[in-house]
Amino acid sequence: MDDGKKQNVTDHMANARTYLAWIRTGITVIALGFVVAKFGIILRELVPNAPTTSYHLSSAIGIALVIAGGLMQMLALKNFLDNRRHIEEGTYTPTASGEILTGVASFLVTAVLVIYLLVTI
């Protein structure tokens, strides 16, 4: 096997590892969304005098996280397939747009969850 083919194989393997990492992250976001959505129910059971808005707010945040996790997985698949094609064509150029978008979205989710916790405590 010549050096060009070896490099191509390692590029494809790295692309697959990156894809799987994004899938794991998406599953984690979905699981977090599920927990947050159910948090309102638990809060209502443990604290009978809790404001009723906390249940609806946690459900909305949880559903948004589940949707975000699903979208993250779809974007990861698109990115994987695009990278695969570019590696084969020899036209791959790295981009950080997905990472930047995920970082900003994570910060926004964190801010919303902090506000939610401050309101419900």
PDB file of N, CA and C in Angstrom:
ATOM      1  N   MET A   1       0.855  -1.172   0.000  1.00  0.00           N
ATOM      2  CA  MET A   1       0.000   0.000   0.000  1.00  0.00           C
ATOM      3  C   MET A   1       0.901   1.236   0.000  1.00  0.00           C
ATOM      4  N   ASP A   2       0.658   2.150  -0.909  1.00  0.00           N
ATOM      5  CA  ASP A   2       1.492   3.353  -0.978  1.00  0.00           C
ATOM      6  C   ASP A   2       1.061   4.368   0.084  1.00  0.00           C
ATOM      7  N   ASP A   3       1.887   5.396   0.281  1.00  0.00           N
ATOM      8  CA  ASP A   3       1.640   6.382   1.341  1.00  0.00           C
ATOM      9  C   ASP A   3       0.329   7.137   1.145  1.00  0.00           C
ATOM     10  N   GLY A   4      -0.050   7.419  -0.106  1.00  0.00           N
ATOM     11  CA  GLY A   4      -1.294   8.130  -0.380  1.00  0.00           C
ATOM     12  C   GLY A   4      -2.509   7.351   0.089  1.00  0.00           C
ATOM     13  N   LYS A   5      -2.512   6.042  -0.154  1.00  0.00           N
ATOM     14  CA  LYS A   5      -3.641   5.212   0.273  1.00  0.00           C
ATOM     15  C   LYS A   5      -3.662   5.051   1.790  1.00  0.00           C
ATOM     16  N   LYS A   6      -2.473   4.941   2.417  1.00  0.00           N
ATOM     17  CA  LYS A   6      -2.421   4.848   3.873  1.00  0.00           C
ATOM     18  C   LYS A   6      -2.989   6.113   4.500  1.00  0.00           C
ATOM     19  N   GLN A   7      -2.619   7.264   3.958  1.00  0.00           N
ATOM     20  CA  GLN A   7      -3.123   8.537   4.469  1.00  0.00           C
ATOM     21  C   GLN A   7      -4.640   8.600   4.297  1.00  0.00           C
ATOM     22  N   ASN A   8      -5.130   8.155   3.165  1.00  0.00           N
ATOM     23  CA  ASN A   8      -6.556   8.157   2.890  1.00  0.00           C
ATOM     24  C   ASN A   8      -7.301   7.295   3.904  1.00  0.00           C
ATOM     25  N   VAL A   9      -6.760   6.131   4.222  1.00  0.00           N
ATOM     26  CA  VAL A   9      -7.393   5.235   5.187  1.00  0.00           C
ATOM     27  C   VAL A   9      -7.433   5.883   6.568  1.00  0.00           C
ATOM     28  N   THR A  10      -6.325   6.475   6.989  1.00  0.00           N
ATOM     29  CA  THR A  10      -6.311   7.099   8.312  1.00  0.00           C
ATOM     30  C   THR A  10      -7.248   8.313   8.365  1.00  0.00           C
ATOM     31  N   ASP A  11      -7.373   9.027   7.265  1.00  0.00           N
ATOM     32  CA  ASP A  11      -8.320  10.144   7.220  1.00  0.00           C
ATOM     33  C   ASP A  11      -9.752   9.650   7.384  1.00  0.00           C
ATOM     34  N   HIS A  12     -10.089   8.559   6.715  1.00  0.00           N
ATOM     35  CA  HIS A  12     -11.435   7.992   6.829  1.00  0.00           C
ATOM     36  C   HIS A  12     -11.692   7.473   8.248  1.00  0.00           C
ATOM     37  N   MET A  13     -10.680   6.868   8.843  1.00  0.00           N
ATOM     38  CA  MET A  13     -10.841   6.360  10.207  1.00  0.00           C
ATOM     39  C   MET A  13     -11.037   7.526  11.187  1.00  0.00           C
ATOM     40  N   ALA A  14     -10.293   8.601  11.007  1.00  0.00           N
ATOM     41  CA  ALA A  14     -10.459   9.777  11.864  1.00  0.00           C
ATOM     42  C   ALA A  14     -11.840  10.391  11.668  1.00  0.00           C
ATOM     43  N   ASN A  15     -12.312  10.430  10.438  1.00  0.00           N
ATOM     44  CA  ASN A  15     -13.647  10.947  10.145  1.00  0.00           C
ATOM     45  C   ASN A  15     -14.707  10.107  10.862  1.00  0.00           C
ATOM     46  N   ALA A  16     -14.553   8.785  10.836  1.00  0.00           N
ATOM     47  CA  ALA A  16     -15.506   7.895  11.501  1.00  0.00           C
ATOM     48  C   ALA A  16     -15.470   8.100  13.017  1.00  0.00           C
ATOM     49  N   ARG A  17     -14.283   8.249  13.596  1.00  0.00           N
ATOM     50  CA  ARG A  17     -14.181   8.486  15.046  1.00  0.00           C
ATOM     51  C   ARG A  17     -14.849   9.793  15.439  1.00  0.00           C
ATOM     52  N   THR A  18     -14.653  10.816  14.631  1.00  0.00           N
ATOM     53  CA  THR A  18     -15.273  12.103  14.908  1.00  0.00           C
ATOM     54  C   THR A  18     -16.792  11.989  14.826  1.00  0.00           C
ATOM     55  N   TYR A  19     -17.266  11.292  13.824  1.00  0.00           N
ATOM     56  CA  TYR A  19     -18.710  11.082  13.675  1.00  0.00           C
ATOM     57  C   TYR A  19     -19.283  10.374  14.904  1.00  0.00           C
ATOM     58  N   LEU A  20     -18.620   9.322  15.339  1.00  0.00           N
ATOM     59  CA  LEU A  20     -19.110   8.578  16.504  1.00  0.00           C
ATOM     60  C   LEU A  20     -19.084   9.436  17.768  1.00  0.00           C
ATOM     61  N   ALA A  21     -18.095  10.313  17.889  1.00  0.00           N
ATOM     62  CA  ALA A  21     -18.048  11.213  19.040  1.00  0.00           C
ATOM     63  C   ALA A  21     -19.244  12.161  19.023  1.00  0.00           C
ATOM     64  N   TRP A  22     -19.604  12.675  17.843  1.00  0.00           N
ATOM     65  CA  TRP A  22     -20.768  13.552  17.739  1.00  0.00           C
ATOM     66  C   TRP A  22     -22.057  12.792  18.040  1.00  0.00           C
ATOM     67  N   ILE A  23     -22.128  11.521  17.621  1.00  0.00           N
ATOM     68  CA  ILE A  23     -23.310  10.713  17.921  1.00  0.00           C
ATOM     69  C   ILE A  23     -23.447  10.527  19.432  1.00  0.00           C
ATOM     70  N   ARG A  24     -22.335  10.208  20.102  1.00  0.00           N
ATOM     71  CA  ARG A  24     -22.379  10.059  21.566  1.00  0.00           C
ATOM     72  C   ARG A  24     -22.813  11.366  22.228  1.00  0.00           C
ATOM     73  N   THR A  25     -22.319  12.477  21.736  1.00  0.00           N
ATOM     74  CA  THR A  25     -22.702  13.770  22.293  1.00  0.00           C
ATOM     75  C   THR A  25     -24.192  14.025  22.086  1.00  0.00           C
ATOM     76  N   GLY A  26     -24.696  13.696  20.894  1.00  0.00           N
ATOM     77  CA  GLY A  26     -26.123  13.859  20.622  1.00  0.00           C
ATOM     78  C   GLY A  26     -26.978  13.007  21.542  1.00  0.00           C
ATOM     79  N   ILE A  27     -26.556  11.771  21.778  1.00  0.00           N
ATOM     80  CA  ILE A  27     -27.291  10.884  22.692  1.00  0.00           C
ATOM     81  C   ILE A  27     -27.289  11.467  24.103  1.00  0.00           C
ATOM     82  N   THR A  28     -26.165  12.034  24.511  1.00  0.00           N
ATOM     83  CA  THR A  28     -26.069  12.645  25.836  1.00  0.00           C
ATOM     84  C   THR A  28     -27.009  13.839  25.959  1.00  0.00           C
ATOM     85  N   VAL A  29     -27.075  14.655  24.930  1.00  0.00           N
ATOM     86  CA  VAL A  29     -27.975  15.819  24.953  1.00  0.00           C
ATOM     87  C   VAL A  29     -29.425  15.355  25.006  1.00  0.00           C
ATOM     88  N   ILE A  30     -29.749  14.301  24.267  1.00  0.00           N
ATOM     89  CA  ILE A  30     -31.105  13.754  24.305  1.00  0.00           C
ATOM     90  C   ILE A  30     -31.437  13.246  25.708  1.00  0.00           C
ATOM     91  N   ALA A  31     -30.504  12.527  26.320  1.00  0.00           N
ATOM     92  CA  ALA A  31     -30.721  12.010  27.678  1.00  0.00           C
ATOM     93  C   ALA A  31     -30.885  13.157  28.672  1.00  0.00           C
ATOM     94  N   LEU A  32     -30.066  14.192  28.537  1.00  0.00           N
ATOM     95  CA  LEU A  32     -30.196  15.352  29.414  1.00  0.00           C
ATOM     96  C   LEU A  32     -31.569  16.002  29.226  1.00  0.00           C
ATOM     97  N   GLY A  33     -32.015  16.103  27.996  1.00  0.00           N
ATOM     98  CA  GLY A  33     -33.333  16.670  27.731  1.00  0.00           C
ATOM     99  C   GLY A  33     -34.440  15.873  28.397  1.00  0.00           C
ATOM    100  N   PHE A  34     -34.311  14.559  28.352  1.00  0.00           N
ATOM    101  CA  PHE A  34     -35.306  13.699  28.997  1.00  0.00           C
ATOM    102  C   PHE A  34     -35.331  13.948  30.498  1.00  0.00           C
ATOM    103  N   VAL A  35     -34.154  14.021  31.105  1.00  0.00           N
ATOM    104  CA  VAL A  35     -34.067  14.251  32.553  1.00  0.00           C
ATOM    105  C   VAL A  35     -34.646  15.620  32.917  1.00  0.00           C
ATOM    106  N   VAL A  36     -34.302  16.637  32.153  1.00  0.00           N
ATOM    107  CA  VAL A  36     -34.812  17.978  32.434  1.00  0.00           C
ATOM    108  C   VAL A  36     -36.337  18.015  32.275  1.00  0.00           C
ATOM    109  N   ALA A  37     -36.852  17.350  31.252  1.00  0.00           N
ATOM    110  CA  ALA A  37     -38.298  17.331  31.043  1.00  0.00           C
ATOM    111  C   ALA A  37     -39.015  16.658  32.216  1.00  0.00           C
ATOM    112  N   LYS A  38     -38.423  15.614  32.752  1.00  0.00           N
ATOM    113  CA  LYS A  38     -39.042  14.900  33.871  1.00  0.00           C
ATOM    114  C   LYS A  38     -38.790  15.590  35.207  1.00  0.00           C
ATOM    115  N   PHE A  39     -37.840  16.530  35.251  1.00  0.00           N
ATOM    116  CA  PHE A  39     -37.516  17.225  36.487  1.00  0.00           C
ATOM    117  C   PHE A  39     -38.720  17.967  37.042  1.00  0.00           C
ATOM    118  N   GLY A  40     -39.514  18.561  36.180  1.00  0.00           N
ATOM    119  CA  GLY A  40     -40.705  19.290  36.625  1.00  0.00           C
ATOM    120  C   GLY A  40     -41.692  18.378  37.325  1.00  0.00           C
ATOM    121  N   ILE A  41     -41.843  17.175  36.840  1.00  0.00           N
ATOM    122  CA  ILE A  41     -42.757  16.217  37.469  1.00  0.00           C
ATOM    123  C   ILE A  41     -42.239  15.834  38.850  1.00  0.00           C
ATOM    124  N   ILE A  42     -40.939  15.577  38.939  1.00  0.00           N
ATOM    125  CA  ILE A  42     -40.338  15.218  40.224  1.00  0.00           C
ATOM    126  C   ILE A  42     -40.462  16.382  41.204  1.00  0.00           C
ATOM    127  N   LEU A  43     -40.198  17.592  40.720  1.00  0.00           N
ATOM    128  CA  LEU A  43     -40.301  18.772  41.564  1.00  0.00           C
ATOM    129  C   LEU A  43     -41.722  18.941  42.084  1.00  0.00           C
ATOM    130  N   ARG A  44     -42.691  18.718  41.228  1.00  0.00           N
ATOM    131  CA  ARG A  44     -44.099  18.859  41.633  1.00  0.00           C
ATOM    132  C   ARG A  44     -44.467  17.829  42.700  1.00  0.00           C
ATOM    133  N   GLU A  45     -43.922  16.615  42.595  1.00  0.00           N
ATOM    134  CA  GLU A  45     -44.218  15.572  43.572  1.00  0.00           C
ATOM    135  C   GLU A  45     -43.521  15.819  44.904  1.00  0.00           C
ATOM    136  N   LEU A  46     -42.286  16.305  44.847  1.00  0.00           N
ATOM    137  CA  LEU A  46     -41.525  16.517  46.070  1.00  0.00           C
ATOM    138  C   LEU A  46     -41.910  17.805  46.789  1.00  0.00           C
ATOM    139  N   VAL A  47     -42.259  18.829  46.024  1.00  0.00           N
ATOM    140  CA  VAL A  47     -42.608  20.130  46.602  1.00  0.00           C
ATOM    141  C   VAL A  47     -44.007  20.500  46.114  1.00  0.00           C
ATOM    142  N   PRO A  48     -45.028  20.137  46.883  1.00  0.00           N
ATOM    143  CA  PRO A  48     -46.403  20.387  46.422  1.00  0.00           C
ATOM    144  C   PRO A  48     -46.716  21.865  46.171  1.00  0.00           C
ATOM    145  N   ASN A  49     -46.024  22.770  46.843  1.00  0.00           N
ATOM    146  CA  ASN A  49     -46.302  24.195  46.690  1.00  0.00           C
ATOM    147  C   ASN A  49     -45.435  24.852  45.626  1.00  0.00           C
ATOM    148  N   ALA A  50     -44.726  24.061  44.827  1.00  0.00           N
ATOM    149  CA  ALA A  50     -43.862  24.629  43.782  1.00  0.00           C
ATOM    150  C   ALA A  50     -44.729  25.332  42.738  1.00  0.00           C
ATOM    151  N   PRO A  51     -44.216  26.402  42.163  1.00  0.00           N
ATOM    152  CA  PRO A  51     -45.004  27.105  41.138  1.00  0.00           C
ATOM    153  C   PRO A  51     -45.317  26.178  39.965  1.00  0.00           C
ATOM    154  N   THR A  52     -46.546  26.260  39.469  1.00  0.00           N
ATOM    155  CA  THR A  52     -46.946  25.362  38.386  1.00  0.00           C
ATOM    156  C   THR A  52     -46.199  25.664  37.089  1.00  0.00           C
ATOM    157  N   THR A  53     -45.680  26.874  36.947  1.00  0.00           N
ATOM    158  CA  THR A  53     -44.957  27.210  35.721  1.00  0.00           C
ATOM    159  C   THR A  53     -43.658  26.423  35.593  1.00  0.00           C
ATOM    160  N   SER A  54     -43.079  25.975  36.704  1.00  0.00           N
ATOM    161  CA  SER A  54     -41.811  25.251  36.629  1.00  0.00           C
ATOM    162  C   SER A  54     -41.976  23.936  35.871  1.00  0.00           C
ATOM    163  N   TYR A  55     -43.134  23.291  36.005  1.00  0.00           N
ATOM    164  CA  TYR A  55     -43.367  22.042  35.291  1.00  0.00           C
ATOM    165  C   TYR A  55     -43.349  22.280  33.791  1.00  0.00           C
ATOM    166  N   HIS A  56     -44.065  23.290  33.346  1.00  0.00           N
ATOM    167  CA  HIS A  56     -44.141  23.561  31.915  1.00  0.00           C
ATOM    168  C   HIS A  56     -42.806  24.039  31.358  1.00  0.00           C
ATOM    169  N   LEU A  57     -42.101  24.840  32.142  1.00  0.00           N
ATOM    170  CA  LEU A  57     -40.816  25.351  31.690  1.00  0.00           C
ATOM    171  C   LEU A  57     -39.793  24.223  31.553  1.00  0.00           C
ATOM    172  N   SER A  58     -39.740  23.322  32.529  1.00  0.00           N
ATOM    173  CA  SER A  58     -38.783  22.224  32.425  1.00  0.00           C
ATOM    174  C   SER A  58     -39.146  21.297  31.271  1.00  0.00           C
ATOM    175  N   SER A  59     -40.424  21.117  31.034  1.00  0.00           N
ATOM    176  CA  SER A  59     -40.835  20.279  29.900  1.00  0.00           C
ATOM    177  C   SER A  59     -40.404  20.908  28.584  1.00  0.00           C
ATOM    178  N   ALA A  60     -40.596  22.202  28.458  1.00  0.00           N
ATOM    179  CA  ALA A  60     -40.225  22.901  27.221  1.00  0.00           C
ATOM    180  C   ALA A  60     -38.710  22.854  27.012  1.00  0.00           C
ATOM    181  N   ILE A  61     -37.950  23.087  28.072  1.00  0.00           N
ATOM    182  CA  ILE A  61     -36.489  23.028  27.957  1.00  0.00           C
ATOM    183  C   ILE A  61     -36.047  21.612  27.604  1.00  0.00           C
ATOM    184  N   GLY A  62     -36.639  20.629  28.252  1.00  0.00           N
ATOM    185  CA  GLY A  62     -36.278  19.236  27.981  1.00  0.00           C
ATOM    186  C   GLY A  62     -36.587  18.831  26.549  1.00  0.00           C
ATOM    187  N   ILE A  63     -37.749  19.207  26.067  1.00  0.00           N
ATOM    188  CA  ILE A  63     -38.114  18.892  24.679  1.00  0.00           C
ATOM    189  C   ILE A  63     -37.159  19.579  23.711  1.00  0.00           C
ATOM    190  N   ALA A  64     -36.802  20.824  24.006  1.00  0.00           N
ATOM    191  CA  ALA A  64     -35.850  21.544  23.151  1.00  0.00           C
ATOM    192  C   ALA A  64     -34.495  20.834  23.124  1.00  0.00           C
ATOM    193  N   LEU A  65     -34.062  20.322  24.267  1.00  0.00           N
ATOM    194  CA  LEU A  65     -32.792  19.596  24.309  1.00  0.00           C
ATOM    195  C   LEU A  65     -32.867  18.292  23.513  1.00  0.00           C
ATOM    196  N   VAL A  66     -33.977  17.593  23.618  1.00  0.00           N
ATOM    197  CA  VAL A  66     -34.134  16.352  22.846  1.00  0.00           C
ATOM    198  C   VAL A  66     -34.094  16.658  21.354  1.00  0.00           C
ATOM    199  N   ILE A  67     -34.782  17.696  20.945  1.00  0.00           N
ATOM    200  CA  ILE A  67     -34.761  18.095  19.528  1.00  0.00           C
ATOM    201  C   ILE A  67     -33.353  18.506  19.114  1.00  0.00           C
ATOM    202  N   ALA A  68     -32.666  19.262  19.972  1.00  0.00           N
ATOM    203  CA  ALA A  68     -31.295  19.686  19.668  1.00  0.00           C
ATOM    204  C   ALA A  68     -30.363  18.484  19.517  1.00  0.00           C
ATOM    205  N   GLY A  69     -30.533  17.485  20.378  1.00  0.00           N
ATOM    206  CA  GLY A  69     -29.713  16.274  20.273  1.00  0.00           C
ATOM    207  C   GLY A  69     -29.964  15.538  18.970  1.00  0.00           C
ATOM    208  N   GLY A  70     -31.225  15.452  18.567  1.00  0.00           N
ATOM    209  CA  GLY A  70     -31.552  14.816  17.291  1.00  0.00           C
ATOM    210  C   GLY A  70     -30.984  15.581  16.108  1.00  0.00           C
ATOM    211  N   LEU A  71     -31.104  16.909  16.153  1.00  0.00           N
ATOM    212  CA  LEU A  71     -30.524  17.732  15.084  1.00  0.00           C
ATOM    213  C   LEU A  71     -29.009  17.593  15.041  1.00  0.00           C
ATOM    214  N   MET A  72     -28.397  17.508  16.215  1.00  0.00           N
ATOM    215  CA  MET A  72     -26.954  17.339  16.286  1.00  0.00           C
ATOM    216  C   MET A  72     -26.532  16.041  15.585  1.00  0.00           C
ATOM    217  N   GLN A  73     -27.312  15.002  15.767  1.00  0.00           N
ATOM    218  CA  GLN A  73     -26.994  13.732  15.122  1.00  0.00           C
ATOM    219  C   GLN A  73     -27.171  13.808  13.612  1.00  0.00           C
ATOM    220  N   MET A  74     -28.193  14.501  13.159  1.00  0.00           N
ATOM    221  CA  MET A  74     -28.395  14.647  11.717  1.00  0.00           C
ATOM    222  C   MET A  74     -27.281  15.488  11.096  1.00  0.00           C
ATOM    223  N   LEU A  75     -26.881  16.564  11.779  1.00  0.00           N
ATOM    224  CA  LEU A  75     -25.776  17.384  11.279  1.00  0.00           C
ATOM    225  C   LEU A  75     -24.462  16.610  11.289  1.00  0.00           C
ATOM    226  N   ALA A  76     -24.281  15.749  12.286  1.00  0.00           N
ATOM    227  CA  ALA A  76     -23.078  14.923  12.340  1.00  0.00           C
ATOM    228  C   ALA A  76     -23.029  13.968  11.146  1.00  0.00           C
ATOM    229  N   LEU A  77     -24.168  13.390  10.786  1.00  0.00           N
ATOM    230  CA  LEU A  77     -24.214  12.498   9.631  1.00  0.00           C
ATOM    231  C   LEU A  77     -23.901  13.252   8.349  1.00  0.00           C
ATOM    232  N   LYS A  78     -24.498  14.430   8.193  1.00  0.00           N
ATOM    233  CA  LYS A  78     -24.223  15.236   6.998  1.00  0.00           C
ATOM    234  C   LYS A  78     -22.749  15.597   6.922  1.00  0.00           C
ATOM    235  N   ASN A  79     -22.182  16.025   8.048  1.00  0.00           N
ATOM    236  CA  ASN A  79     -20.775  16.398   8.091  1.00  0.00           C
ATOM    237  C   ASN A  79     -19.880  15.195   7.776  1.00  0.00           C
ATOM    238  N   PHE A  80     -20.216  14.027   8.319  1.00  0.00           N
ATOM    239  CA  PHE A  80     -19.457  12.808   8.054  1.00  0.00           C
ATOM    240  C   PHE A  80     -19.457  12.483   6.560  1.00  0.00           C
ATOM    241  N   LEU A  81     -20.628  12.525   5.945  1.00  0.00           N
ATOM    242  CA  LEU A  81     -20.719  12.195   4.523  1.00  0.00           C
ATOM    243  C   LEU A  81     -20.015  13.226   3.652  1.00  0.00           C
ATOM    244  N   ASP A  82     -20.147  14.511   4.012  1.00  0.00           N
ATOM    245  CA  ASP A  82     -19.432  15.559   3.258  1.00  0.00           C
ATOM    246  C   ASP A  82     -17.922  15.378   3.381  1.00  0.00           C
ATOM    247  N   ASN A  83     -17.450  15.142   4.605  1.00  0.00           N
ATOM    248  CA  ASN A  83     -16.011  14.936   4.807  1.00  0.00           C
ATOM    249  C   ASN A  83     -15.515  13.713   4.044  1.00  0.00           C
ATOM    250  N   ARG A  84     -16.320  12.660   4.048  1.00  0.00           N
ATOM    251  CA  ARG A  84     -15.947  11.431   3.326  1.00  0.00           C
ATOM    252  C   ARG A  84     -15.750  11.723   1.835  1.00  0.00           C
ATOM    253  N   ARG A  85     -16.697  12.452   1.278  1.00  0.00           N
ATOM    254  CA  ARG A  85     -16.613  12.806  -0.139  1.00  0.00           C
ATOM    255  C   ARG A  85     -15.385  13.682  -0.408  1.00  0.00           C
ATOM    256  N   HIS A  86     -15.165  14.662   0.439  1.00  0.00           N
ATOM    257  CA  HIS A  86     -14.023  15.567   0.244  1.00  0.00           C
ATOM    258  C   HIS A  86     -12.690  14.839   0.407  1.00  0.00           C
ATOM    259  N   ILE A  87     -12.629  13.886   1.321  1.00  0.00           N
ATOM    260  CA  ILE A  87     -11.395  13.098   1.487  1.00  0.00           C
ATOM    261  C   ILE A  87     -11.125  12.308   0.216  1.00  0.00           C
ATOM    262  N   GLU A  88     -12.163  11.686  -0.321  1.00  0.00           N
ATOM    263  CA  GLU A  88     -11.999  10.898  -1.549  1.00  0.00           C
ATOM    264  C   GLU A  88     -11.590  11.774  -2.733  1.00  0.00           C
ATOM    265  N   GLU A  89     -12.152  12.974  -2.803  1.00  0.00           N
ATOM    266  CA  GLU A  89     -11.839  13.881  -3.908  1.00  0.00           C
ATOM    267  C   GLU A  89     -10.524  14.622  -3.704  1.00  0.00           C
ATOM    268  N   GLY A  90     -10.002  14.567  -2.469  1.00  0.00           N
ATOM    269  CA  GLY A  90      -8.772  15.288  -2.166  1.00  0.00           C
ATOM    270  C   GLY A  90      -8.991  16.783  -2.027  1.00  0.00           C
ATOM    271  N   THR A  91     -10.225  17.186  -1.706  1.00  0.00           N
ATOM    272  CA  THR A  91     -10.558  18.604  -1.597  1.00  0.00           C
ATOM    273  C   THR A  91     -10.954  19.006  -0.184  1.00  0.00           C
ATOM    274  N   TYR A  92     -10.594  18.216   0.791  1.00  0.00           N
ATOM    275  CA  TYR A  92     -11.006  18.492   2.172  1.00  0.00           C
ATOM    276  C   TYR A  92     -10.326  19.740   2.716  1.00  0.00           C
ATOM    277  N   THR A  93     -11.127  20.621   3.298  1.00  0.00           N
ATOM    278  CA  THR A  93     -10.600  21.764   4.037  1.00  0.00           C
ATOM    279  C   THR A  93     -11.340  21.812   5.367  1.00  0.00           C
ATOM    280  N   PRO A  94     -10.609  21.900   6.471  1.00  0.00           N
ATOM    281  CA  PRO A  94     -11.273  21.869   7.781  1.00  0.00           C
ATOM    282  C   PRO A  94     -12.123  23.112   8.016  1.00  0.00           C
ATOM    283  N   THR A  95     -13.182  22.931   8.779  1.00  0.00           N
ATOM    284  CA  THR A  95     -14.069  24.017   9.148  1.00  0.00           C
ATOM    285  C   THR A  95     -14.430  23.867  10.622  1.00  0.00           C
ATOM    286  N   ALA A  96     -14.682  24.966  11.275  1.00  0.00           N
ATOM    287  CA  ALA A  96     -15.023  24.938  12.697  1.00  0.00           C
ATOM    288  C   ALA A  96     -16.454  25.396  12.943  1.00  0.00           C
ATOM    289  N   SER A  97     -17.250  25.529  11.907  1.00  0.00           N
ATOM    290  CA  SER A  97     -18.600  26.067  12.063  1.00  0.00           C
ATOM    291  C   SER A  97     -19.474  25.195  12.969  1.00  0.00           C
ATOM    292  N   GLY A  98     -19.395  23.893  12.829  1.00  0.00           N
ATOM    293  CA  GLY A  98     -20.188  23.003  13.682  1.00  0.00           C
ATOM    294  C   GLY A  98     -19.790  23.100  15.142  1.00  0.00           C
ATOM    295  N   GLU A  99     -18.498  23.183  15.377  1.00  0.00           N
ATOM    296  CA  GLU A  99     -18.003  23.290  16.743  1.00  0.00           C
ATOM    297  C   GLU A  99     -18.388  24.630  17.360  1.00  0.00           C
ATOM    298  N   ILE A 100     -18.310  25.691  16.577  1.00  0.00           N
ATOM    299  CA  ILE A 100     -18.689  27.021  17.075  1.00  0.00           C
ATOM    300  C   ILE A 100     -20.181  27.051  17.391  1.00  0.00           C
ATOM    301  N   LEU A 101     -20.993  26.518  16.491  1.00  0.00           N
ATOM    302  CA  LEU A 101     -22.436  26.480  16.706  1.00  0.00           C
ATOM    303  C   LEU A 101     -22.776  25.680  17.962  1.00  0.00           C
ATOM    304  N   THR A 102     -22.139  24.537  18.139  1.00  0.00           N
ATOM    305  CA  THR A 102     -22.401  23.704  19.308  1.00  0.00           C
ATOM    306  C   THR A 102     -21.960  24.408  20.588  1.00  0.00           C
ATOM    307  N   GLY A 103     -20.825  25.082  20.550  1.00  0.00           N
ATOM    308  CA  GLY A 103     -20.354  25.808  21.727  1.00  0.00           C
ATOM    309  C   GLY A 103     -21.295  26.929  22.137  1.00  0.00           C
ATOM    310  N   VAL A 104     -21.758  27.691  21.161  1.00  0.00           N
ATOM    311  CA  VAL A 104     -22.693  28.782  21.450  1.00  0.00           C
ATOM    312  C   VAL A 104     -24.019  28.216  21.961  1.00  0.00           C
ATOM    313  N   ALA A 105     -24.509  27.164  21.323  1.00  0.00           N
ATOM    314  CA  ALA A 105     -25.767  26.547  21.761  1.00  0.00           C
ATOM    315  C   ALA A 105     -25.636  25.988  23.176  1.00  0.00           C
ATOM    316  N   SER A 106     -24.508  25.370  23.484  1.00  0.00           N
ATOM    317  CA  SER A 106     -24.287  24.834  24.835  1.00  0.00           C
ATOM    318  C   SER A 106     -24.296  25.952  25.868  1.00  0.00           C
ATOM    319  N   PHE A 107     -23.665  27.074  25.531  1.00  0.00           N
ATOM    320  CA  PHE A 107     -23.662  28.216  26.450  1.00  0.00           C
ATOM    321  C   PHE A 107     -25.079  28.736  26.664  1.00  0.00           C
ATOM    322  N   LEU A 108     -25.861  28.837  25.594  1.00  0.00           N
ATOM    323  CA  LEU A 108     -27.230  29.337  25.716  1.00  0.00           C
ATOM    324  C   LEU A 108     -28.090  28.397  26.558  1.00  0.00           C
ATOM    325  N   VAL A 109     -27.929  27.092  26.357  1.00  0.00           N
ATOM    326  CA  VAL A 109     -28.679  26.116  27.152  1.00  0.00           C
ATOM    327  C   VAL A 109     -28.283  26.236  28.616  1.00  0.00           C
ATOM    328  N   THR A 110     -26.990  26.396  28.867  1.00  0.00           N
ATOM    329  CA  THR A 110     -26.523  26.566  30.239  1.00  0.00           C
ATOM    330  C   THR A 110     -27.146  27.797  30.874  1.00  0.00           C
ATOM    331  N   ALA A 111     -27.180  28.899  30.149  1.00  0.00           N
ATOM    332  CA  ALA A 111     -27.774  30.132  30.676  1.00  0.00           C
ATOM    333  C   ALA A 111     -29.261  29.935  30.986  1.00  0.00           C
ATOM    334  N   VAL A 112     -29.983  29.272  30.088  1.00  0.00           N
ATOM    335  CA  VAL A 112     -31.409  29.028  30.313  1.00  0.00           C
ATOM    336  C   VAL A 112     -31.608  28.132  31.533  1.00  0.00           C
ATOM    337  N   LEU A 113     -30.790  27.095  31.667  1.00  0.00           N
ATOM    338  CA  LEU A 113     -30.924  26.194  32.816  1.00  0.00           C
ATOM    339  C   LEU A 113     -30.583  26.896  34.125  1.00  0.00           C
ATOM    340  N   VAL A 114     -29.588  27.767  34.121  1.00  0.00           N
ATOM    341  CA  VAL A 114     -29.246  28.522  35.333  1.00  0.00           C
ATOM    342  C   VAL A 114     -30.413  29.428  35.723  1.00  0.00           C
ATOM    343  N   ILE A 115     -30.987  30.114  34.756  1.00  0.00           N
ATOM    344  CA  ILE A 115     -32.135  30.981  35.036  1.00  0.00           C
ATOM    345  C   ILE A 115     -33.298  30.146  35.569  1.00  0.00           C
ATOM    346  N   TYR A 116     -33.528  29.009  34.945  1.00  0.00           N
ATOM    347  CA  TYR A 116     -34.614  28.110  35.395  1.00  0.00           C
ATOM    348  C   TYR A 116     -34.388  27.677  36.836  1.00  0.00           C
ATOM    349  N   LEU A 117     -33.166  27.291  37.165  1.00  0.00           N
ATOM    350  CA  LEU A 117     -32.875  26.852  38.524  1.00  0.00           C
ATOM    351  C   LEU A 117     -33.040  27.991  39.530  1.00  0.00           C
ATOM    352  N   LEU A 118     -32.627  29.181  39.144  1.00  0.00           N
ATOM    353  CA  LEU A 118     -32.792  30.328  40.031  1.00  0.00           C
ATOM    354  C   LEU A 118     -34.269  30.649  40.273  1.00  0.00           C
ATOM    355  N   VAL A 119     -35.089  30.470  39.263  1.00  0.00           N
ATOM    356  CA  VAL A 119     -36.527  30.760  39.397  1.00  0.00           C
ATOM    357  C   VAL A 119     -37.230  29.703  40.241  1.00  0.00           C
ATOM    358  N   THR A 120     -36.815  28.444  40.134  1.00  0.00           N
ATOM    359  CA  THR A 120     -37.522  27.359  40.806  1.00  0.00           C
ATOM    360  C   THR A 120     -36.991  27.038  42.193  1.00  0.00           C
ATOM    361  N   ILE A 121     -35.874  27.614  42.573  1.00  0.00           N
ATOM    362  CA  ILE A 121     -35.320  27.297  43.904  1.00  0.00           C
ATOM    363  C   ILE A 121     -35.956  28.155  44.959  1.00  0.00           C
TER     364      ILE A 121
END
